[in-house]
PDB file of N, CA and C in Angstrom:
ATOM      1  N   MET A   1      82.537 108.311  82.617  1.00  0.00           N
ATOM      2  CA  MET A   1      81.484 107.119  82.474  1.00  0.00           C
ATOM      3  C   MET A   1      80.090 107.887  81.754  1.00  0.00           C
ATOM      4  N   THR A   2      79.783 107.323  80.547  1.00  0.00           N
ATOM      5  CA  THR A   2      78.923 107.722  80.121  1.00  0.00           C
ATOM      6  C   THR A   2      77.111 107.385  80.558  1.00  0.00           C
ATOM      7  N   ASN A   3      76.466 107.955  80.011  1.00  0.00           N
ATOM      8  CA  ASN A   3      74.849 107.762  80.385  1.00  0.00           C
ATOM      9  C   ASN A   3      74.189 107.082  79.254  1.00  0.00           C
ATOM     10  N   SER A   4      74.909 106.394  78.431  1.00  0.00           N
ATOM     11  CA  SER A   4      74.161 105.609  77.030  1.00  0.00           C
ATOM     12  C   SER A   4      73.669 104.349  77.811  1.00  0.00           C
ATOM     13  N   THR A   5      73.016 103.988  76.902  1.00  0.00           N
ATOM     14  CA  THR A   5      71.884 102.690  77.094  1.00  0.00           C
ATOM     15  C   THR A   5      72.529 101.649  75.548  1.00  0.00           C
ATOM     16  N   LEU A   6      72.882 100.703  75.562  1.00  0.00           N
ATOM     17  CA  LEU A   6      73.090  99.952  74.879  1.00  0.00           C
ATOM     18  C   LEU A   6      71.629  99.175  74.321  1.00  0.00           C
ATOM     19  N   THR A   7      71.425  99.392  73.340  1.00  0.00           N
ATOM     20  CA  THR A   7      69.914  98.861  72.629  1.00  0.00           C
ATOM     21  C   THR A   7      69.432  97.598  71.909  1.00  0.00           C
ATOM     22  N   ARG A   8      69.035  96.914  71.417  1.00  0.00           N
ATOM     23  CA  ARG A   8      68.730  95.941  70.750  1.00  0.00           C
ATOM     24  C   ARG A   8      69.226  96.161  69.048  1.00  0.00           C
ATOM     25  N   ALA A   9      69.026  96.935  69.117  1.00  0.00           N
ATOM     26  CA  ALA A   9      69.609  97.913  67.592  1.00  0.00           C
ATOM     27  C   ALA A   9      70.896  97.788  67.588  1.00  0.00           C
ATOM     28  N   GLN A  10      71.663  98.362  68.701  1.00  0.00           N
ATOM     29  CA  GLN A  10      73.099  98.623  68.532  1.00  0.00           C
ATOM     30  C   GLN A  10      73.659  97.282  68.834  1.00  0.00           C
ATOM     31  N   LEU A  11      72.980  96.122  69.316  1.00  0.00           N
ATOM     32  CA  LEU A  11      73.828  94.518  69.581  1.00  0.00           C
ATOM     33  C   LEU A  11      73.743  94.100  68.321  1.00  0.00           C
ATOM     34  N   SER A  12      72.579  94.280  67.414  1.00  0.00           N
ATOM     35  CA  SER A  12      72.261  93.947  66.024  1.00  0.00           C
ATOM     36  C   SER A  12      73.102  94.481  65.185  1.00  0.00           C
ATOM     37  N   GLU A  13      73.930  95.197  65.066  1.00  0.00           N
ATOM     38  CA  GLU A  13      74.626  96.313  64.147  1.00  0.00           C
ATOM     39  C   GLU A  13      75.960  95.776  64.693  1.00  0.00           C
ATOM     40  N   ALA A  14      76.034  95.472  65.610  1.00  0.00           N
ATOM     41  CA  ALA A  14      77.651  94.797  66.364  1.00  0.00           C
ATOM     42  C   ALA A  14      77.960  93.682  65.792  1.00  0.00           C
ATOM     43  N   VAL A  15      76.587  92.748  65.729  1.00  0.00           N
ATOM     44  CA  VAL A  15      77.023  91.284  65.529  1.00  0.00           C
ATOM     45  C   VAL A  15      76.759  91.564  64.230  1.00  0.00           C
ATOM     46  N   TYR A  16      76.283  92.417  63.043  1.00  0.00           N
ATOM     47  CA  TYR A  16      76.382  92.772  61.649  1.00  0.00           C
ATOM     48  C   TYR A  16      77.670  93.488  61.613  1.00  0.00           C
ATOM     49  N   GLN A  17      78.512  94.117  62.241  1.00  0.00           N
ATOM     50  CA  GLN A  17      79.772  94.531  61.747  1.00  0.00           C
ATOM     51  C   GLN A  17      81.359  93.593  62.107  1.00  0.00           C
ATOM     52  N   GLU A  18      80.927  92.782  63.193  1.00  0.00           N
ATOM     53  CA  GLU A  18      81.645  91.830  63.758  1.00  0.00           C
ATOM     54  C   GLU A  18      81.541  90.371  62.841  1.00  0.00           C
ATOM     55  N   VAL A  19      80.342  90.182  63.031  1.00  0.00           N
ATOM     56  CA  VAL A  19      80.051  88.452  62.132  1.00  0.00           C
ATOM     57  C   VAL A  19      80.486  88.709  60.630  1.00  0.00           C
ATOM     58  N   GLY A  20      79.641  89.444  60.296  1.00  0.00           N
ATOM     59  CA  GLY A  20      79.239  89.351  58.764  1.00  0.00           C
ATOM     60  C   GLY A  20      78.113  88.783  58.577  1.00  0.00           C
ATOM     61  N   LEU A  21      77.359  88.754  59.476  1.00  0.00           N
ATOM     62  CA  LEU A  21      75.903  88.514  59.071  1.00  0.00           C
ATOM     63  C   LEU A  21      74.967  89.210  58.316  1.00  0.00           C
ATOM     64  N   SER A  22      74.023  89.236  57.283  1.00  0.00           N
ATOM     65  CA  SER A  22      73.415  90.365  57.038  1.00  0.00           C
ATOM     66  C   SER A  22      72.301  91.141  58.293  1.00  0.00           C
ATOM     67  N   ARG A  23      72.183  92.338  58.229  1.00  0.00           N
ATOM     68  CA  ARG A  23      71.368  93.200  59.099  1.00  0.00           C
ATOM     69  C   ARG A  23      70.206  92.292  59.780  1.00  0.00           C
ATOM     70  N   ASN A  24      69.609  91.531  59.010  1.00  0.00           N
ATOM     71  CA  ASN A  24      68.309  90.952  58.932  1.00  0.00           C
ATOM     72  C   ASN A  24      68.733  89.727  60.170  1.00  0.00           C
ATOM     73  N   GLU A  25      69.834  88.854  59.292  1.00  0.00           N
ATOM     74  CA  GLU A  25      70.150  87.700  60.251  1.00  0.00           C
ATOM     75  C   GLU A  25      70.971  88.006  61.603  1.00  0.00           C
ATOM     76  N   SER A  26      71.307  89.351  61.437  1.00  0.00           N
ATOM     77  CA  SER A  26      72.006  89.840  63.333  1.00  0.00           C
ATOM     78  C   SER A  26      70.832  90.185  63.765  1.00  0.00           C
ATOM     79  N   ALA A  27      69.593  90.551  63.547  1.00  0.00           N
ATOM     80  CA  ALA A  27      68.733  91.169  64.227  1.00  0.00           C
ATOM     81  C   ALA A  27      68.048  89.688  64.853  1.00  0.00           C
ATOM     82  N   LEU A  28      68.141  88.920  63.849  1.00  0.00           N
ATOM     83  CA  LEU A  28      67.478  87.292  63.760  1.00  0.00           C
ATOM     84  C   LEU A  28      67.627  86.673  65.286  1.00  0.00           C
ATOM     85  N   LEU A  29      69.286  86.865  65.101  1.00  0.00           N
ATOM     86  CA  LEU A  29      70.561  85.994  65.861  1.00  0.00           C
ATOM     87  C   LEU A  29      70.320  86.840  67.520  1.00  0.00           C
ATOM     88  N   VAL A  30      69.873  88.118  67.598  1.00  0.00           N
ATOM     89  CA  VAL A  30      70.221  88.944  69.071  1.00  0.00           C
ATOM     90  C   VAL A  30      68.616  88.751  69.402  1.00  0.00           C
ATOM     91  N   GLU A  31      67.628  88.401  68.654  1.00  0.00           N
ATOM     92  CA  GLU A  31      66.669  88.301  69.239  1.00  0.00           C
ATOM     93  C   GLU A  31      66.286  86.741  70.121  1.00  0.00           C
ATOM     94  N   THR A  32      66.728  85.844  69.009  1.00  0.00           N
ATOM     95  CA  THR A  32      66.862  84.533  69.560  1.00  0.00           C
ATOM     96  C   THR A  32      67.663  84.183  70.635  1.00  0.00           C
ATOM     97  N   VAL A  33      68.650  84.982  71.020  1.00  0.00           N
ATOM     98  CA  VAL A  33      69.446  84.762  71.878  1.00  0.00           C
ATOM     99  C   VAL A  33      68.795  85.146  73.416  1.00  0.00           C
ATOM    100  N   LEU A  34      68.210  86.096  72.965  1.00  0.00           N
ATOM    101  CA  LEU A  34      67.493  87.190  74.568  1.00  0.00           C
ATOM    102  C   LEU A  34      65.996  86.239  74.767  1.00  0.00           C
ATOM    103  N   ASP A  35      65.893  85.714  73.559  1.00  0.00           N
ATOM    104  CA  ASP A  35      64.211  84.645  73.870  1.00  0.00           C
ATOM    105  C   ASP A  35      64.331  83.416  74.723  1.00  0.00           C
ATOM    106  N   GLU A  36      65.868  83.128  74.133  1.00  0.00           N
ATOM    107  CA  GLU A  36      66.344  81.632  75.023  1.00  0.00           C
ATOM    108  C   GLU A  36      66.587  82.273  76.158  1.00  0.00           C
ATOM    109  N   ILE A  37      67.277  82.993  76.696  1.00  0.00           N
ATOM    110  CA  ILE A  37      67.317  83.487  77.567  1.00  0.00           C
ATOM    111  C   ILE A  37      66.433  83.527  78.804  1.00  0.00           C
ATOM    112  N   SER A  38      65.391  84.711  78.316  1.00  0.00           N
ATOM    113  CA  SER A  38      63.925  85.015  78.953  1.00  0.00           C
ATOM    114  C   SER A  38      63.415  83.445  79.015  1.00  0.00           C
ATOM    115  N   ASP A  39      63.368  82.794  78.060  1.00  0.00           N
ATOM    116  CA  ASP A  39      62.377  81.681  77.979  1.00  0.00           C
ATOM    117  C   ASP A  39      62.731  80.698  79.213  1.00  0.00           C
ATOM    118  N   ALA A  40      64.478  80.654  79.372  1.00  0.00           N
ATOM    119  CA  ALA A  40      65.187  79.534  80.700  1.00  0.00           C
ATOM    120  C   ALA A  40      64.722  80.170  81.854  1.00  0.00           C
ATOM    121  N   LEU A  41      64.921  81.631  81.899  1.00  0.00           N
ATOM    122  CA  LEU A  41      64.190  82.085  83.322  1.00  0.00           C
ATOM    123  C   LEU A  41      62.805  81.874  83.565  1.00  0.00           C
ATOM    124  N   GLU A  42      62.023  82.266  82.823  1.00  0.00           N
ATOM    125  CA  GLU A  42      60.327  81.820  82.919  1.00  0.00           C
ATOM    126  C   GLU A  42      60.485  80.612  83.504  1.00  0.00           C
ATOM    127  N   ARG A  43      60.805  79.987  83.091  1.00  0.00           N
ATOM    128  CA  ARG A  43      61.031  78.267  83.081  1.00  0.00           C
ATOM    129  C   ARG A  43      61.882  77.877  85.075  1.00  0.00           C
ATOM    130  N   GLY A  44      62.460  78.921  85.434  1.00  0.00           N
ATOM    131  CA  GLY A  44      62.977  79.282  86.682  1.00  0.00           C
ATOM    132  C   GLY A  44      64.253  78.513  86.413  1.00  0.00           C
ATOM    133  N   GLU A  45      64.740  78.197  85.243  1.00  0.00           N
ATOM    134  CA  GLU A  45      66.458  78.010  84.945  1.00  0.00           C
ATOM    135  C   GLU A  45      67.580  79.035  85.312  1.00  0.00           C
ATOM    136  N   MET A  46      68.312  78.723  85.933  1.00  0.00           N
ATOM    137  CA  MET A  46      69.722  79.733  85.829  1.00  0.00           C
ATOM    138  C   MET A  46      70.454  79.865  84.398  1.00  0.00           C
ATOM    139  N   VAL A  47      70.341  80.733  84.383  1.00  0.00           N
ATOM    140  CA  VAL A  47      71.415  80.934  83.164  1.00  0.00           C
ATOM    141  C   VAL A  47      72.820  81.675  83.279  1.00  0.00           C
ATOM    142  N   LYS A  48      73.969  81.044  82.905  1.00  0.00           N
ATOM    143  CA  LYS A  48      75.228  81.573  83.317  1.00  0.00           C
ATOM    144  C   LYS A  48      75.708  81.411  81.972  1.00  0.00           C
ATOM    145  N   ILE A  49      76.751  82.582  81.816  1.00  0.00           N
ATOM    146  CA  ILE A  49      77.422  83.049  80.492  1.00  0.00           C
ATOM    147  C   ILE A  49      78.492  82.974  80.920  1.00  0.00           C
ATOM    148  N   SER A  50      79.331  82.005  80.362  1.00  0.00           N
ATOM    149  CA  SER A  50      81.030  82.237  81.005  1.00  0.00           C
ATOM    150  C   SER A  50      81.419  83.542  80.342  1.00  0.00           C
ATOM    151  N   SER A  51      82.034  84.017  81.671  1.00  0.00           N
ATOM    152  CA  SER A  51      83.082  85.119  81.990  1.00  0.00           C
ATOM    153  C   SER A  51      82.037  86.614  81.763  1.00  0.00           C
ATOM    154  N   PHE A  52      81.082  86.220  81.760  1.00  0.00           N
ATOM    155  CA  PHE A  52      79.755  87.514  81.964  1.00  0.00           C
ATOM    156  C   PHE A  52      79.309  87.224  83.264  1.00  0.00           C
ATOM    157  N   GLY A  53      78.949  86.152  83.856  1.00  0.00           N
ATOM    158  CA  GLY A  53      78.085  86.007  85.054  1.00  0.00           C
ATOM    159  C   GLY A  53      76.611  85.258  84.753  1.00  0.00           C
ATOM    160  N   SER A  54      75.909  85.064  85.949  1.00  0.00           N
ATOM    161  CA  SER A  54      74.431  84.150  85.923  1.00  0.00           C
ATOM    162  C   SER A  54      73.778  84.515  86.237  1.00  0.00           C
ATOM    163  N   PHE A  55      72.250  84.681  85.614  1.00  0.00           N
ATOM    164  CA  PHE A  55      70.946  84.943  85.648  1.00  0.00           C
ATOM    165  C   PHE A  55      70.140  84.224  86.596  1.00  0.00           C
ATOM    166  N   SER A  56      69.510  84.293  87.286  1.00  0.00           N
ATOM    167  CA  SER A  56      68.523  83.558  87.989  1.00  0.00           C
ATOM    168  C   SER A  56      67.540  83.841  88.619  1.00  0.00           C
ATOM    169  N   VAL A  57      66.358  83.234  88.604  1.00  0.00           N
ATOM    170  CA  VAL A  57      65.172  83.592  89.573  1.00  0.00           C
ATOM    171  C   VAL A  57      64.839  83.289  91.090  1.00  0.00           C
ATOM    172  N   ARG A  58      64.763  84.063  92.054  1.00  0.00           N
ATOM    173  CA  ARG A  58      64.332  83.906  93.146  1.00  0.00           C
ATOM    174  C   ARG A  58      63.054  84.271  93.958  1.00  0.00           C
ATOM    175  N   GLN A  59      62.681  83.462  94.348  1.00  0.00           N
ATOM    176  CA  GLN A  59      61.449  83.288  95.311  1.00  0.00           C
ATOM    177  C   GLN A  59      60.703  84.095  96.049  1.00  0.00           C
ATOM    178  N   LYS A  60      60.254  85.065  96.205  1.00  0.00           N
ATOM    179  CA  LYS A  60      60.814  86.144  97.686  1.00  0.00           C
ATOM    180  C   LYS A  60      58.957  85.683  98.256  1.00  0.00           C
ATOM    181  N   ARG A  61      58.978  85.226  99.565  1.00  0.00           N
ATOM    182  CA  ARG A  61      57.896  85.373 100.350  1.00  0.00           C
ATOM    183  C   ARG A  61      56.876  86.432 100.458  1.00  0.00           C
ATOM    184  N   GLU A  62      55.757  86.251 101.161  1.00  0.00           N
ATOM    185  CA  GLU A  62      54.331  87.171 101.724  1.00  0.00           C
ATOM    186  C   GLU A  62      55.471  87.728 103.155  1.00  0.00           C
ATOM    187  N   ARG A  63      55.815  89.253 102.839  1.00  0.00           N
ATOM    188  CA  ARG A  63      56.184  89.776 104.299  1.00  0.00           C
ATOM    189  C   ARG A  63      55.586  91.043 104.354  1.00  0.00           C
ATOM    190  N   VAL A  64      55.883  91.647 105.211  1.00  0.00           N
ATOM    191  CA  VAL A  64      54.856  92.693 105.891  1.00  0.00           C
ATOM    192  C   VAL A  64      55.937  94.176 105.510  1.00  0.00           C
ATOM    193  N   GLY A  65      55.410  95.083 104.768  1.00  0.00           N
ATOM    194  CA  GLY A  65      56.320  96.226 104.663  1.00  0.00           C
ATOM    195  C   GLY A  65      55.468  97.443 105.388  1.00  0.00           C
ATOM    196  N   ARG A  66      56.282  98.331 105.317  1.00  0.00           N
ATOM    197  CA  ARG A  66      55.733  99.745 106.158  1.00  0.00           C
ATOM    198  C   ARG A  66      55.481 100.885 105.058  1.00  0.00           C
ATOM    199  N   ASN A  67      54.847 101.354 105.060  1.00  0.00           N
ATOM    200  CA  ASN A  67      54.624 102.452 104.151  1.00  0.00           C
ATOM    201  C   ASN A  67      55.544 103.703 104.942  1.00  0.00           C
ATOM    202  N   PRO A  68      56.550 104.308 103.959  1.00  0.00           N
ATOM    203  CA  PRO A  68      57.564 104.992 104.513  1.00  0.00           C
ATOM    204  C   PRO A  68      56.686 106.615 105.238  1.00  0.00           C
ATOM    205  N   LYS A  69      55.934 106.947 104.912  1.00  0.00           N
ATOM    206  CA  LYS A  69      55.283 108.390 104.824  1.00  0.00           C
ATOM    207  C   LYS A  69      54.685 108.163 105.984  1.00  0.00           C
ATOM    208  N   THR A  70      53.561 107.151 106.061  1.00  0.00           N
ATOM    209  CA  THR A  70      52.636 107.315 107.331  1.00  0.00           C
ATOM    210  C   THR A  70      52.867 105.859 108.462  1.00  0.00           C
ATOM    211  N   GLY A  71      53.877 105.042 107.799  1.00  0.00           N
ATOM    212  CA  GLY A  71      54.122 104.113 109.130  1.00  0.00           C
ATOM    213  C   GLY A  71      53.035 103.004 109.129  1.00  0.00           C
ATOM    214  N   GLU A  72      52.297 102.872 108.135  1.00  0.00           N
ATOM    215  CA  GLU A  72      51.295 101.738 107.985  1.00  0.00           C
ATOM    216  C   GLU A  72      51.686 100.632 107.547  1.00  0.00           C
ATOM    217  N   GLU A  73      51.508  99.408 108.024  1.00  0.00           N
ATOM    218  CA  GLU A  73      51.923  98.494 107.777  1.00  0.00           C
ATOM    219  C   GLU A  73      51.119  97.804 106.815  1.00  0.00           C
ATOM    220  N   VAL A  74      51.692  97.214 105.414  1.00  0.00           N
ATOM    221  CA  VAL A  74      51.081  96.806 104.355  1.00  0.00           C
ATOM    222  C   VAL A  74      51.647  95.495 103.660  1.00  0.00           C
ATOM    223  N   PRO A  75      50.861  94.535 103.263  1.00  0.00           N
ATOM    224  CA  PRO A  75      51.354  93.451 102.948  1.00  0.00           C
ATOM    225  C   PRO A  75      52.091  93.667 101.621  1.00  0.00           C
ATOM    226  N   ILE A  76      53.341  92.601 101.526  1.00  0.00           N
ATOM    227  CA  ILE A  76      53.867  92.488 100.163  1.00  0.00           C
ATOM    228  C   ILE A  76      53.890  91.184 100.003  1.00  0.00           C
ATOM    229  N   SER A  77      53.202  91.248  98.278  1.00  0.00           N
ATOM    230  CA  SER A  77      52.555  89.575  98.106  1.00  0.00           C
ATOM    231  C   SER A  77      54.217  88.838  97.641  1.00  0.00           C
ATOM    232  N   PRO A  78      53.747  87.745  97.579  1.00  0.00           N
ATOM    233  CA  PRO A  78      55.179  86.886  97.245  1.00  0.00           C
ATOM    234  C   PRO A  78      55.186  87.138  96.174  1.00  0.00           C
ATOM    235  N   ARG A  79      56.341  87.371  95.365  1.00  0.00           N
ATOM    236  CA  ARG A  79      56.611  87.410  93.753  1.00  0.00           C
ATOM    237  C   ARG A  79      58.235  86.454  93.561  1.00  0.00           C
ATOM    238  N   ARG A  80      58.540  86.641  92.358  1.00  0.00           N
ATOM    239  CA  ARG A  80      59.442  86.114  91.733  1.00  0.00           C
ATOM    240  C   ARG A  80      60.306  87.561  91.075  1.00  0.00           C
ATOM    241  N   VAL A  81      61.971  87.396  91.464  1.00  0.00           N
ATOM    242  CA  VAL A  81      62.555  88.589  91.463  1.00  0.00           C
ATOM    243  C   VAL A  81      63.945  88.029  90.216  1.00  0.00           C
ATOM    244  N   LEU A  82      64.131  88.655  89.488  1.00  0.00           N
ATOM    245  CA  LEU A  82      65.368  88.131  88.698  1.00  0.00           C
ATOM    246  C   LEU A  82      66.364  88.938  89.254  1.00  0.00           C
ATOM    247  N   VAL A  83      67.856  87.897  89.468  1.00  0.00           N
ATOM    248  CA  VAL A  83      69.261  88.233  90.248  1.00  0.00           C
ATOM    249  C   VAL A  83      70.492  88.459  88.836  1.00  0.00           C
ATOM    250  N   PHE A  84      71.061  88.644  88.755  1.00  0.00           N
ATOM    251  CA  PHE A  84      71.947  88.932  88.385  1.00  0.00           C
ATOM    252  C   PHE A  84      73.021  89.358  89.177  1.00  0.00           C
ATOM    253  N   ARG A  85      74.588  88.226  88.384  1.00  0.00           N
ATOM    254  CA  ARG A  85      75.300  87.958  89.842  1.00  0.00           C
ATOM    255  C   ARG A  85      76.607  87.937  88.581  1.00  0.00           C
ATOM    256  N   ALA A  86      77.153  89.060  88.397  1.00  0.00           N
ATOM    257  CA  ALA A  86      78.749  89.423  87.444  1.00  0.00           C
ATOM    258  C   ALA A  86      79.706  88.446  87.875  1.00  0.00           C
ATOM    259  N   SER A  87      80.155  87.868  86.459  1.00  0.00           N
ATOM    260  CA  SER A  87      81.281  86.552  86.909  1.00  0.00           C
ATOM    261  C   SER A  87      82.681  87.738  87.584  1.00  0.00           C
ATOM    262  N   HIS A  88      83.622  86.914  88.216  1.00  0.00           N
ATOM    263  CA  HIS A  88      84.815  87.582  88.654  1.00  0.00           C
ATOM    264  C   HIS A  88      85.782  88.479  87.265  1.00  0.00           C
ATOM    265  N   VAL A  89      85.397  87.511  86.141  1.00  0.00           N
ATOM    266  CA  VAL A  89      85.920  88.195  85.010  1.00  0.00           C
ATOM    267  C   VAL A  89      85.199  89.491  84.419  1.00  0.00           C
ATOM    268  N   LEU A  90      84.481  89.350  84.407  1.00  0.00           N
ATOM    269  CA  LEU A  90      83.490  91.013  84.106  1.00  0.00           C
ATOM    270  C   LEU A  90      84.215  91.820  85.426  1.00  0.00           C
ATOM    271  N   LYS A  91      83.962  91.681  86.734  1.00  0.00           N
ATOM    272  CA  LYS A  91      83.842  92.507  87.617  1.00  0.00           C
ATOM    273  C   LYS A  91      85.531  93.129  87.371  1.00  0.00           C
ATOM    274  N   LYS A  92      86.346  92.138  87.030  1.00  0.00           N
ATOM    275  CA  LYS A  92      87.943  92.545  86.804  1.00  0.00           C
ATOM    276  C   LYS A  92      88.057  93.636  85.857  1.00  0.00           C
ATOM    277  N   ARG A  93      87.393  93.499  84.711  1.00  0.00           N
ATOM    278  CA  ARG A  93      87.331  93.855  83.519  1.00  0.00           C
ATOM    279  C   ARG A  93      86.530  95.688  84.047  1.00  0.00           C
ATOM    280  N   ILE A  94      85.863  95.326  84.721  1.00  0.00           N
ATOM    281  CA  ILE A  94      84.795  96.945  84.898  1.00  0.00           C
ATOM    282  C   ILE A  94      85.866  97.724  85.963  1.00  0.00           C
ATOM    283  N   ASN A  95      86.579  97.065  86.879  1.00  0.00           N
ATOM    284  CA  ASN A  95      87.640  97.156  87.580  1.00  0.00           C
ATOM    285  C   ASN A  95      88.520  98.280  87.051  1.00  0.00           C
ATOM    286  N   ALA A  96      88.913  97.199  86.063  1.00  0.00           N
ATOM    287  CA  ALA A  96      90.481  97.797  85.480  1.00  0.00           C
ATOM    288  C   ALA A  96      89.879  99.066  84.457  1.00  0.00           C
ATOM    289  N   GLU A  97      88.694  99.344  84.199  1.00  0.00           N
ATOM    290  CA  GLU A  97      88.374 100.254  83.357  1.00  0.00           C
ATOM    291  C   GLU A  97      88.174 101.736  84.304  1.00  0.00           C
ATOM    292  N   VAL A  98      88.084 101.201  85.482  1.00  0.00           N
ATOM    293  CA  VAL A  98      87.721 102.515  86.678  1.00  0.00           C
ATOM    294  C   VAL A  98      89.562 102.731  87.112  1.00  0.00           C
ATOM    295  N   ALA A  99      90.061 101.618  87.498  1.00  0.00           N
ATOM    296  CA  ALA A  99      91.661 102.187  87.459  1.00  0.00           C
ATOM    297  C   ALA A  99      92.468 102.492  86.532  1.00  0.00           C
ATOM    298  N   GLU A 100      91.983 102.469  85.202  1.00  0.00           N
ATOM    299  CA  GLU A 100      92.573 103.498  83.915  1.00  0.00           C
ATOM    300  C   GLU A 100      92.135 104.805  83.982  1.00  0.00           C
ATOM    301  N   LEU A 101      90.712 104.908  84.241  1.00  0.00           N
ATOM    302  CA  LEU A 101      90.306 106.277  84.508  1.00  0.00           C
ATOM    303  C   LEU A 101      90.979 107.212  85.409  1.00  0.00           C
ATOM    304  N   GLU A 102      91.495 106.445  86.545  1.00  0.00           N
ATOM    305  CA  GLU A 102      92.087 107.060  87.821  1.00  0.00           C
ATOM    306  C   GLU A 102      93.357 107.282  87.524  1.00  0.00           C
ATOM    307  N   GLY A 103      94.074 106.417  86.806  1.00  0.00           N
ATOM    308  CA  GLY A 103      95.500 106.753  86.349  1.00  0.00           C
ATOM    309  C   GLY A 103      95.963 105.984  87.131  1.00  0.00           C
ATOM    310  N   ASP A 104      95.651 104.640  87.623  1.00  0.00           N
ATOM    311  CA  ASP A 104      95.964 103.398  88.592  1.00  0.00           C
ATOM    312  C   ASP A 104      96.686 102.860  87.490  1.00  0.00           C
ATOM    313  N   ASP A 105      98.179 102.729  87.283  1.00  0.00           N
ATOM    314  CA  ASP A 105      98.351 101.213  86.290  1.00  0.00           C
ATOM    315  C   ASP A 105      98.141 100.007  86.649  1.00  0.00           C
ATOM    316  N   ASP A 106      98.150  99.476  87.795  1.00  0.00           N
ATOM    317  CA  ASP A 106      98.110  98.107  88.346  1.00  0.00           C
ATOM    318  C   ASP A 106      96.942  97.637  88.600  1.00  0.00           C
ATOM    319  N   GLY A 107      96.050  98.528  88.529  1.00  0.00           N
ATOM    320  CA  GLY A 107      94.325  98.382  88.660  1.00  0.00           C
ATOM    321  C   GLY A 107      94.033  97.524  90.275  1.00  0.00           C
ATOM    322  N   SER A 108      95.092  97.671  91.120  1.00  0.00           N
ATOM    323  CA  SER A 108      94.977  97.498  92.328  1.00  0.00           C
ATOM    324  C   SER A 108      94.369  98.035  93.513  1.00  0.00           C
ATOM    325  N   GLY A 109      93.957  99.293  92.687  1.00  0.00           N
ATOM    326  CA  GLY A 109      93.408 100.261  93.801  1.00  0.00           C
ATOM    327  C   GLY A 109      94.372 101.662  94.282  1.00  0.00           C
ATOM    328  N   GLY A 110      95.657 101.213  93.989  1.00  0.00           N
ATOM    329  CA  GLY A 110      96.832 102.320  94.245  1.00  0.00           C
ATOM    330  C   GLY A 110      96.886 102.438  95.562  1.00  0.00           C
ATOM    331  N   GLY A 111      97.695 103.391  96.121  1.00  0.00           N
ATOM    332  CA  GLY A 111      98.080 103.340  97.844  1.00  0.00           C
ATOM    333  C   GLY A 111      99.393 102.023  97.820  1.00  0.00           C
ATOM    334  N   ARG A 112     100.160 102.846  98.902  1.00  0.00           N
ATOM    335  CA  ARG A 112     101.478 101.570  99.293  1.00  0.00           C
ATOM    336  C   ARG A 112     101.232 100.299  99.342  1.00  0.00           C
ATOM    337  N   ALA A 113      99.838 100.179 100.017  1.00  0.00           N
ATOM    338  CA  ALA A 113      99.550  98.951 100.379  1.00  0.00           C
ATOM    339  C   ALA A 113      99.840  97.888  99.071  1.00  0.00           C
ATOM    340  N   ALA A 114      99.677  97.753  97.844  1.00  0.00           N
ATOM    341  CA  ALA A 114      99.718  97.238  96.451  1.00  0.00           C
ATOM    342  C   ALA A 114     101.061  96.746  96.743  1.00  0.00           C
ATOM    343  N   GLU A 115     102.449  97.508  97.168  1.00  0.00           N
ATOM    344  CA  GLU A 115     103.519  97.451  97.139  1.00  0.00           C
ATOM    345  C   GLU A 115     104.498  96.421  98.517  1.00  0.00           C
ATOM    346  N   ARG A 116     103.365  96.210  98.994  1.00  0.00           N
ATOM    347  CA  ARG A 116     103.834  95.383 100.411  1.00  0.00           C
ATOM    348  C   ARG A 116     103.699  93.593  99.322  1.00  0.00           C
ATOM    349  N   PRO A 117     104.992  92.801  99.793  1.00  0.00           N
ATOM    350  CA  PRO A 117     105.066  91.631  99.351  1.00  0.00           C
ATOM    351  C   PRO A 117     104.048  90.688 100.133  1.00  0.00           C
TER     352      PRO A 117
END
């Protein structure tokens, strides 16, 4: 597994290579898509991308937390958090990659249990 990060510039370059738009048009397309996703989430809407996953915003209520060092109780203010749930298709692809790396051909996780009827 690599420790690299996919950047906006790399996404734009991939669009440029695959779709054939100019580099400027590819960058604009990537920015437009990301802006639309961000705007929808800001409005509190759910964003579902088929075969990839869904993004949603959840409201967290105010609660009491503790400072782990001192044990002192500290109020945690209410806030909105971004949640991503991967689709089963994406999870399957990711796990297939792991199975290939481990030398498991059927992607079931290996072992004799996979041979049962």
